[in-house]
């Protein structure tokens, strides 16, 4: 999985995204990036 510096910086700055329950977690960012990348293929 190739990530651009901008995507990595964005993930670090947001410190995780909110899941549907409103909880913030870093794993959510990684999962979102994977699903986004697979969707772009």
PDB file of N, CA and C in Angstrom:
ATOM      1  N   UNK A   1       0.857  -1.193   0.000  1.00  0.00           N
ATOM      2  CA  UNK A   1       0.000   0.000   0.000  1.00  0.00           C
ATOM      3  C   UNK A   1       0.889   1.238   0.000  1.00  0.00           C
ATOM      4  N   UNK A   2       0.717   2.083  -0.989  1.00  0.00           N
ATOM      5  CA  UNK A   2       1.544   3.283  -1.102  1.00  0.00           C
ATOM      6  C   UNK A   2       0.759   4.499  -0.628  1.00  0.00           C
ATOM      7  N   UNK A   3       1.327   5.213   0.337  1.00  0.00           N
ATOM      8  CA  UNK A   3       0.658   6.412   0.851  1.00  0.00           C
ATOM      9  C   UNK A   3       1.478   7.646   0.511  1.00  0.00           C
ATOM     10  N   UNK A   4       0.812   8.697   0.095  1.00  0.00           N
ATOM     11  CA  UNK A   4       1.526   9.934  -0.175  1.00  0.00           C
ATOM     12  C   UNK A   4       1.811  10.641   1.150  1.00  0.00           C
ATOM     13  N   UNK A   5       2.807  11.504   1.155  1.00  0.00           N
ATOM     14  CA  UNK A   5       3.153  12.219   2.385  1.00  0.00           C
ATOM     15  C   UNK A   5       1.953  13.014   2.895  1.00  0.00           C
ATOM     16  N   UNK A   6       1.171  13.550   1.973  1.00  0.00           N
ATOM     17  CA  UNK A   6       0.013  14.355   2.373  1.00  0.00           C
ATOM     18  C   UNK A   6      -0.988  13.504   3.136  1.00  0.00           C
ATOM     19  N   UNK A   7      -1.208  12.281   2.661  1.00  0.00           N
ATOM     20  CA  UNK A   7      -2.174  11.408   3.332  1.00  0.00           C
ATOM     21  C   UNK A   7      -1.680  11.042   4.722  1.00  0.00           C
ATOM     22  N   UNK A   8      -0.369  10.750   4.831  1.00  0.00           N
ATOM     23  CA  UNK A   8       0.194  10.384   6.133  1.00  0.00           C
ATOM     24  C   UNK A   8       0.097  11.562   7.093  1.00  0.00           C
ATOM     25  N   UNK A   9       0.449  12.760   6.616  1.00  0.00           N
ATOM     26  CA  UNK A   9       0.374  13.950   7.474  1.00  0.00           C
ATOM     27  C   UNK A   9      -1.068  14.193   7.907  1.00  0.00           C
ATOM     28  N   UNK A  10      -2.000  14.000   6.998  1.00  0.00           N
ATOM     29  CA  UNK A  10      -3.407  14.213   7.324  1.00  0.00           C
ATOM     30  C   UNK A  10      -3.842  13.241   8.409  1.00  0.00           C
ATOM     31  N   UNK A  11      -3.428  11.988   8.278  1.00  0.00           N
ATOM     32  CA  UNK A  11      -3.798  10.975   9.272  1.00  0.00           C
ATOM     33  C   UNK A  11      -3.217  11.323  10.637  1.00  0.00           C
ATOM     34  N   UNK A  12      -1.960  11.797  10.640  1.00  0.00           N
ATOM     35  CA  UNK A  12      -1.320  12.153  11.913  1.00  0.00           C
ATOM     36  C   UNK A  12      -2.005  13.362  12.532  1.00  0.00           C
ATOM     37  N   UNK A  13      -2.388  14.326  11.696  1.00  0.00           N
ATOM     38  CA  UNK A  13      -2.977  15.558  12.218  1.00  0.00           C
ATOM     39  C   UNK A  13      -4.364  15.308  12.809  1.00  0.00           C
ATOM     40  N   UNK A  14      -5.119  14.430  12.190  1.00  0.00           N
ATOM     41  CA  UNK A  14      -6.480  14.194  12.680  1.00  0.00           C
ATOM     42  C   UNK A  14      -6.472  13.234  13.860  1.00  0.00           C
ATOM     43  N   UNK A  15      -5.372  12.485  14.019  1.00  0.00           N
ATOM     44  CA  UNK A  15      -5.244  11.521  15.113  1.00  0.00           C
ATOM     45  C   UNK A  15      -6.421  10.564  15.117  1.00  0.00           C
ATOM     46  N   UNK A  16      -6.735  10.034  13.955  1.00  0.00           N
ATOM     47  CA  UNK A  16      -7.840   9.087  13.883  1.00  0.00           C
ATOM     48  C   UNK A  16      -9.104   9.767  13.418  1.00  0.00           C
ATOM     49  N   UNK A  17      -9.966   8.997  12.790  1.00  0.00           N
ATOM     50  CA  UNK A  17     -11.238   9.545  12.326  1.00  0.00           C
ATOM     51  C   UNK A  17     -12.352   9.031  13.230  1.00  0.00           C
ATOM     52  N   UNK A  18     -13.478   9.685  13.167  1.00  0.00           N
ATOM     53  CA  UNK A  18     -14.605   9.244  13.995  1.00  0.00           C
ATOM     54  C   UNK A  18     -15.324   8.083  13.302  1.00  0.00           C
ATOM     55  N   UNK A  19     -15.527   7.007  14.041  1.00  0.00           N
ATOM     56  CA  UNK A  19     -16.289   5.909  13.464  1.00  0.00           C
ATOM     57  C   UNK A  19     -17.765   6.213  13.651  1.00  0.00           C
ATOM     58  N   UNK A  20     -18.632   5.295  13.243  1.00  0.00           N
ATOM     59  CA  UNK A  20     -20.071   5.565  13.321  1.00  0.00           C
ATOM     60  C   UNK A  20     -20.548   5.754  14.749  1.00  0.00           C
ATOM     61  N   UNK A  21     -19.758   5.324  15.729  1.00  0.00           N
ATOM     62  CA  UNK A  21     -20.134   5.504  17.135  1.00  0.00           C
ATOM     63  C   UNK A  21     -19.574   6.801  17.711  1.00  0.00           C
ATOM     64  N   UNK A  22     -18.789   7.534  16.885  1.00  0.00           N
ATOM     65  CA  UNK A  22     -18.240   8.799  17.343  1.00  0.00           C
ATOM     66  C   UNK A  22     -16.921   8.640  18.066  1.00  0.00           C
ATOM     67  N   UNK A  23     -16.396   7.406  18.100  1.00  0.00           N
ATOM     68  CA  UNK A  23     -15.102   7.200  18.769  1.00  0.00           C
ATOM     69  C   UNK A  23     -13.972   7.496  17.797  1.00  0.00           C
ATOM     70  N   UNK A  24     -12.905   8.098  18.320  1.00  0.00           N
ATOM     71  CA  UNK A  24     -11.755   8.415  17.474  1.00  0.00           C
ATOM     72  C   UNK A  24     -10.685   7.352  17.680  1.00  0.00           C
ATOM     73  N   UNK A  25     -10.164   6.832  16.599  1.00  0.00           N
ATOM     74  CA  UNK A  25      -9.107   5.822  16.727  1.00  0.00           C
ATOM     75  C   UNK A  25      -8.264   5.780  15.463  1.00  0.00           C
ATOM     76  N   UNK A  26      -6.964   5.527  15.653  1.00  0.00           N
ATOM     77  CA  UNK A  26      -6.026   5.516  14.531  1.00  0.00           C
ATOM     78  C   UNK A  26      -6.324   4.385  13.569  1.00  0.00           C
ATOM     79  N   UNK A  27      -6.796   3.240  14.107  1.00  0.00           N
ATOM     80  CA  UNK A  27      -7.087   2.108  13.231  1.00  0.00           C
ATOM     81  C   UNK A  27      -8.137   2.495  12.194  1.00  0.00           C
ATOM     82  N   UNK A  28      -9.050   3.378  12.575  1.00  0.00           N
ATOM     83  CA  UNK A  28     -10.089   3.808  11.652  1.00  0.00           C
ATOM     84  C   UNK A  28      -9.489   4.474  10.424  1.00  0.00           C
ATOM     85  N   UNK A  29      -8.405   5.235  10.627  1.00  0.00           N
ATOM     86  CA  UNK A  29      -7.750   5.906   9.503  1.00  0.00           C
ATOM     87  C   UNK A  29      -7.135   4.881   8.563  1.00  0.00           C
ATOM     88  N   UNK A  30      -6.435   3.912   9.143  1.00  0.00           N
ATOM     89  CA  UNK A  30      -5.785   2.900   8.309  1.00  0.00           C
ATOM     90  C   UNK A  30      -6.827   2.113   7.529  1.00  0.00           C
ATOM     91  N   UNK A  31      -7.914   1.759   8.196  1.00  0.00           N
ATOM     92  CA  UNK A  31      -8.979   1.002   7.535  1.00  0.00           C
ATOM     93  C   UNK A  31      -9.599   1.842   6.419  1.00  0.00           C
ATOM     94  N   UNK A  32      -9.811   3.150   6.693  1.00  0.00           N
ATOM     95  CA  UNK A  32     -10.395   4.038   5.704  1.00  0.00           C
ATOM     96  C   UNK A  32      -9.473   4.171   4.500  1.00  0.00           C
ATOM     97  N   UNK A  33      -8.164   4.276   4.767  1.00  0.00           N
ATOM     98  CA  UNK A  33      -7.204   4.402   3.666  1.00  0.00           C
ATOM     99  C   UNK A  33      -7.228   3.146   2.800  1.00  0.00           C
ATOM    100  N   UNK A  34      -7.292   1.974   3.441  1.00  0.00           N
ATOM    101  CA  UNK A  34      -7.303   0.723   2.674  1.00  0.00           C
ATOM    102  C   UNK A  34      -8.549   0.649   1.799  1.00  0.00           C
ATOM    103  N   UNK A  35      -9.706   0.964   2.371  1.00  0.00           N
ATOM    104  CA  UNK A  35     -10.948   0.873   1.610  1.00  0.00           C
ATOM    105  C   UNK A  35     -10.953   1.910   0.493  1.00  0.00           C
ATOM    106  N   UNK A  36     -10.388   3.085   0.765  1.00  0.00           N
ATOM    107  CA  UNK A  36     -10.349   4.134  -0.254  1.00  0.00           C
ATOM    108  C   UNK A  36      -9.448   3.727  -1.409  1.00  0.00           C
ATOM    109  N   UNK A  37      -8.296   3.144  -1.072  1.00  0.00           N
ATOM    110  CA  UNK A  37      -7.349   2.753  -2.120  1.00  0.00           C
ATOM    111  C   UNK A  37      -7.954   1.656  -2.982  1.00  0.00           C
ATOM    112  N   UNK A  38      -8.579   0.663  -2.333  1.00  0.00           N
ATOM    113  CA  UNK A  38      -9.166  -0.444  -3.089  1.00  0.00           C
ATOM    114  C   UNK A  38     -10.308   0.069  -3.965  1.00  0.00           C
ATOM    115  N   UNK A  39     -10.995   1.100  -3.490  1.00  0.00           N
ATOM    116  CA  UNK A  39     -12.114   1.661  -4.254  1.00  0.00           C
ATOM    117  C   UNK A  39     -11.603   2.416  -5.481  1.00  0.00           C
ATOM    118  N   UNK A  40     -10.384   2.967  -5.377  1.00  0.00           N
ATOM    119  CA  UNK A  40      -9.830   3.753  -6.477  1.00  0.00           C
ATOM    120  C   UNK A  40      -9.220   2.888  -7.571  1.00  0.00           C
ATOM    121  N   UNK A  41      -9.035   1.598  -7.312  1.00  0.00           N
ATOM    122  CA  UNK A  41      -8.400   0.733  -8.313  1.00  0.00           C
ATOM    123  C   UNK A  41      -9.303   0.527  -9.510  1.00  0.00           C
TER     124      UNK A  41
END
